[in-house]
């Protein structure tokens, strides 16, 4: 009987040890954005390629250590879905909201899509740690309709957080919001210059084949110098 009791206890302990805790999963926050109403005069933006650093191309949520290294989260937290796709969608929605346009596509774009501006973006760092702020390092380039580079910039942004994994993800999301704001500000003058010829061409001018009505001279008052004599 004692052996049976011991065997049952060992079996229960073995089963308890096999129970796994749920793995926390996180997504970047797209922010409180409102999608603009579709309009014909909105800027056409092609986003991409958006290149993430190699260490970001997996679903493990890595933490920055005091010595500068990276290690998995203590709770084995993971990204919910593909981080690349998450970043792409966040940037698309942020740019659409800030530029008030729905004419945005991811590279390489659909057939017939003719962008006013193309954004090439490389994110070389996006991470944080319990004792380290969230840091984003990136490099973007803007190209016009002819593929000519209009601007290029290297940025390093930093955001504080409360230490928890959830607040770290919030801080990383905020960094991407700030990055999209900077890119949108740089896009605006390039997009305006690209749309200017399109607006001029949309103004209707008289066709050479259309007869031009003759000009009617303005009426002038008739004056008389006749005098009236009474006899």
Protein backbone atom coordinates (compact mmCIF):
# COMPACT_ATOMS: atom_id res chain seq x y z
CA UNK A 1 0.00 0.00 0.00
CA UNK A 2 2.85 2.36 0.82
CA UNK A 3 4.50 1.62 -2.51
CA UNK A 4 1.22 2.36 -4.34
CA UNK A 5 0.83 5.68 -2.52
CA UNK A 6 4.42 6.66 -3.37
CA UNK A 7 3.89 5.74 -7.03
CA UNK A 8 0.72 7.85 -7.18
CA UNK A 9 2.48 10.84 -5.63
CA UNK A 10 5.34 10.56 -8.11
CA UNK A 11 2.87 10.34 -10.99
CA UNK A 12 1.00 13.43 -9.79
CA UNK A 13 4.26 15.33 -9.41
CA UNK A 14 5.29 14.27 -12.90
CA UNK A 15 2.01 15.47 -14.38
CA UNK A 16 2.22 18.77 -12.52
CA UNK A 17 5.70 19.32 -13.89
CA UNK A 18 4.43 18.83 -17.43
CA UNK A 19 1.90 21.67 -17.16
CA UNK A 20 3.24 24.65 -19.15
CA UNK A 21 2.40 28.27 -18.51
CA UNK A 22 0.84 30.23 -21.41
CA UNK A 23 3.41 32.23 -23.37
CA UNK A 24 2.64 35.98 -23.43
CA UNK A 25 2.36 37.37 -26.95
CA UNK A 26 2.48 41.01 -28.04
CA UNK A 27 1.72 43.19 -31.06
CA UNK A 28 2.81 46.71 -31.85
CA UNK A 29 0.13 49.37 -31.33
CA UNK A 30 -0.93 51.09 -34.56
CA UNK A 31 -2.10 54.13 -32.58
CA UNK A 32 -5.39 56.01 -32.56
CA UNK A 33 -5.48 56.74 -36.28
CA UNK A 34 -8.47 57.65 -38.43
CA UNK A 35 -8.49 56.46 -42.03
CA UNK A 36 -8.98 59.37 -44.46
CA UNK A 37 -11.81 59.43 -46.99
CA UNK A 38 -10.60 58.21 -50.40
CA UNK A 39 -9.87 61.13 -52.73
CA UNK A 40 -8.45 61.47 -56.24
CA UNK A 41 -5.99 64.19 -55.22
CA UNK A 42 -4.28 62.21 -52.43
CA UNK A 43 -0.58 61.53 -52.73
CA UNK A 44 0.36 58.07 -54.06
CA UNK A 45 2.97 56.51 -51.76
CA UNK A 46 4.93 53.30 -52.27
CA UNK A 47 6.34 52.00 -48.99
CA UNK A 48 9.28 49.68 -49.23
CA UNK A 49 11.26 47.80 -49.17
CA UNK A 50 11.16 47.98 -45.36
CA UNK A 51 14.16 45.99 -44.13
CA UNK A 52 14.45 44.84 -40.51
CA UNK A 53 17.72 43.93 -38.82
CA UNK A 54 18.46 40.21 -38.81
CA UNK A 55 17.87 39.82 -35.06
CA UNK A 56 14.33 41.14 -35.48
CA UNK A 57 13.38 38.50 -38.02
CA UNK A 58 12.08 35.96 -35.52
CA UNK A 59 9.14 35.74 -33.15
CA UNK A 60 11.14 35.91 -29.90
CA UNK A 61 10.86 39.22 -28.06
CA UNK A 62 14.49 39.92 -27.18
CA UNK A 63 15.62 42.08 -24.25
CA UNK A 64 18.62 44.42 -24.17
CA UNK A 65 21.05 43.53 -21.36
CA UNK A 66 23.33 45.79 -19.30
CA UNK A 67 26.39 44.65 -21.26
CA UNK A 68 24.73 45.53 -24.57
CA UNK A 69 23.83 41.95 -25.46
CA UNK A 70 20.41 40.52 -26.21
CA UNK A 71 18.57 37.65 -24.51
CA UNK A 72 15.06 36.15 -24.64
CA UNK A 73 12.45 37.61 -22.32
CA UNK A 74 12.31 35.86 -18.92
CA UNK A 75 8.68 34.95 -19.58
CA UNK A 76 9.58 33.72 -23.08
CA UNK A 77 7.38 36.48 -24.52
CA UNK A 78 6.92 36.38 -28.26
CA UNK A 79 5.62 38.56 -31.05
CA UNK A 80 2.09 37.64 -32.10
CA UNK A 81 2.53 36.95 -35.79
CA UNK A 82 5.21 38.26 -38.11
CA UNK A 83 7.00 41.35 -36.77
CA UNK A 84 7.84 42.45 -40.33
CA UNK A 85 4.18 42.50 -41.28
CA UNK A 86 3.28 44.24 -38.02
CA UNK A 87 5.79 47.03 -38.70
CA UNK A 88 4.61 47.39 -42.32
CA UNK A 89 0.96 47.76 -41.35
CA UNK A 90 1.72 50.22 -38.55
CA UNK A 91 3.70 52.46 -40.92
CA UNK A 92 1.05 52.26 -43.66
CA UNK A 93 -1.73 53.36 -41.32
CA UNK A 94 0.33 56.09 -39.74
CA UNK A 95 1.37 57.54 -43.11
CA UNK A 96 -2.18 57.34 -44.49
CA UNK A 97 -3.49 59.23 -41.46
CA UNK A 98 -0.75 61.87 -41.43
CA UNK A 99 -0.76 62.48 -45.21
CA UNK A 100 -4.56 62.18 -45.53
CA UNK A 101 -4.40 59.67 -48.36
CA UNK A 102 -5.46 56.09 -48.94
CA UNK A 103 -3.30 55.67 -52.04
CA UNK A 104 -0.55 53.66 -50.35
CA UNK A 105 0.91 50.29 -51.27
CA UNK A 106 3.71 48.07 -50.09
CA UNK A 107 6.63 47.43 -52.43
CA UNK A 108 6.70 46.24 -55.16
CA UNK A 109 3.18 47.65 -55.61
CA UNK A 110 0.36 46.47 -57.83
CA UNK A 111 0.39 46.61 -61.62
CA UNK A 112 -0.37 50.11 -62.87
CA UNK A 113 0.31 51.81 -59.53
CA UNK A 114 2.28 54.98 -60.25
CA UNK A 115 3.55 56.45 -56.96
CA UNK A 116 4.39 60.11 -56.44
CA UNK A 117 6.92 59.17 -53.74
CA UNK A 118 8.72 55.96 -52.83
CA UNK A 119 9.97 55.36 -49.27
CA UNK A 120 12.88 53.00 -48.71
CA UNK A 121 13.40 52.22 -45.03
CA UNK A 122 15.94 50.19 -43.08
CA UNK A 123 15.43 49.60 -39.35
CA UNK A 124 18.72 48.51 -37.84
CA UNK A 125 17.60 48.51 -34.20
CA UNK A 126 14.31 48.25 -32.34
CA UNK A 127 14.57 46.90 -28.81
CA UNK A 128 14.52 47.68 -25.09
CA UNK A 129 15.21 46.04 -21.73
CA UNK A 130 13.81 46.15 -18.20
CA UNK A 131 16.52 48.67 -17.24
CA UNK A 132 17.06 50.18 -20.70
CA UNK A 133 14.87 52.56 -22.72
CA UNK A 134 13.37 51.60 -26.05
CA UNK A 135 15.69 52.58 -28.90
CA UNK A 136 14.98 52.83 -32.62
CA UNK A 137 17.72 53.33 -35.20
CA UNK A 138 16.74 53.68 -38.85
CA UNK A 139 17.72 55.06 -42.23
CA UNK A 140 15.21 56.21 -44.84
CA UNK A 141 15.39 57.49 -48.42
CA UNK A 142 12.72 59.27 -50.45
CA UNK A 143 12.60 58.90 -54.24
CA UNK A 144 10.41 60.92 -56.60
CA UNK A 145 8.40 59.71 -59.61
CA UNK A 146 11.54 59.48 -61.73
CA UNK A 147 13.39 57.47 -59.08
CA UNK A 148 15.63 60.39 -58.14
CA UNK A 149 16.57 60.61 -54.47
CA UNK A 150 15.03 63.66 -52.83
CA UNK A 151 16.10 63.18 -49.22
CA UNK A 152 17.90 60.74 -46.97
CA UNK A 153 18.26 60.65 -43.20
CA UNK A 154 19.69 58.58 -40.37
CA UNK A 155 17.74 58.75 -37.08
CA UNK A 156 18.09 57.46 -33.54
CA UNK A 157 15.05 57.77 -31.28
CA UNK A 158 14.61 56.85 -27.63
CA UNK A 159 11.56 56.35 -25.40
CA UNK A 160 11.36 55.64 -21.66
CA UNK A 161 9.08 52.94 -20.20
CA UNK A 162 8.05 51.44 -16.85
CA UNK A 163 10.05 48.20 -17.18
CA UNK A 164 7.30 45.67 -17.88
CA UNK A 165 7.32 43.83 -21.19
CA UNK A 166 3.95 45.31 -22.14
CA UNK A 167 5.15 48.86 -21.53
CA UNK A 168 8.32 48.15 -23.47
CA UNK A 169 6.21 47.18 -26.48
CA UNK A 170 4.19 50.39 -26.02
CA UNK A 171 7.42 52.40 -26.05
CA UNK A 172 8.65 50.65 -29.20
CA UNK A 173 5.30 51.38 -30.86
CA UNK A 174 5.62 55.05 -29.91
CA UNK A 175 9.06 55.19 -31.53
CA UNK A 176 7.59 53.90 -34.80
CA UNK A 177 4.82 56.53 -34.56
CA UNK A 178 7.45 59.24 -34.21
CA UNK A 179 9.41 57.81 -37.13
CA UNK A 180 6.33 57.83 -39.35
CA UNK A 181 5.66 61.46 -38.40
CA UNK A 182 9.17 62.44 -39.47
CA UNK A 183 8.86 60.53 -42.75
CA UNK A 184 5.44 62.07 -43.48
CA UNK A 185 6.84 65.57 -42.93
CA UNK A 186 9.64 64.82 -45.40
CA UNK A 187 7.20 63.34 -47.95
CA UNK A 188 4.83 66.33 -48.09
CA UNK A 189 6.94 68.74 -50.22
CA UNK A 190 7.98 65.95 -52.60
CA UNK A 191 4.37 64.84 -53.04
CA UNK A 192 3.16 68.41 -53.59
CA UNK A 193 5.76 68.95 -56.31
CA UNK A 194 4.77 65.67 -57.98
CA UNK A 195 1.04 66.50 -57.96
CA UNK A 196 1.47 70.08 -59.26
CA UNK A 197 1.72 69.12 -62.98
CA UNK A 198 -1.26 66.80 -62.56
CA UNK A 199 -3.36 69.64 -61.18
CA UNK A 200 -2.31 72.00 -63.99
CA UNK A 201 -3.24 69.40 -66.60
CA UNK A 202 -6.65 68.96 -65.00
CA UNK A 203 -7.56 72.62 -65.71
CA UNK A 204 -9.70 72.74 -68.88
CA UNK A 205 -8.34 74.91 -71.67
CA UNK A 206 -10.27 75.85 -74.85
CA UNK A 207 -9.69 73.30 -77.60
CA UNK A 208 -8.37 74.51 -80.94
CA UNK A 209 -11.22 72.68 -82.67
CA UNK A 210 -13.85 74.52 -80.68
CA UNK A 211 -15.03 77.75 -82.34
CA UNK A 212 -14.33 80.83 -80.30
CA UNK A 213 -17.40 83.13 -80.19
CA UNK A 214 -16.78 86.63 -81.62
CA UNK A 215 -16.21 89.38 -79.15
CA UNK A 216 -19.15 91.77 -78.82
CA UNK A 217 -18.07 95.38 -78.40
CA UNK A 218 -19.30 97.06 -75.29
CA UNK A 219 -22.27 99.37 -75.75
CA UNK A 220 -21.49 103.07 -75.48
CA UNK A 221 -23.97 105.83 -74.75
CA UNK A 222 -24.98 107.93 -77.81
CA UNK A 223 -24.47 111.63 -77.34
CA UNK A 224 -26.04 114.39 -79.48
CA UNK A 225 -24.98 117.98 -79.86
CA UNK A 226 -28.24 119.15 -81.52
CA UNK A 227 -29.82 122.27 -80.06
CA UNK A 228 -33.54 122.89 -79.95
CA UNK A 229 -34.70 126.42 -81.06
CA UNK A 230 -38.09 127.87 -80.23
CA UNK A 231 -39.75 130.60 -82.38
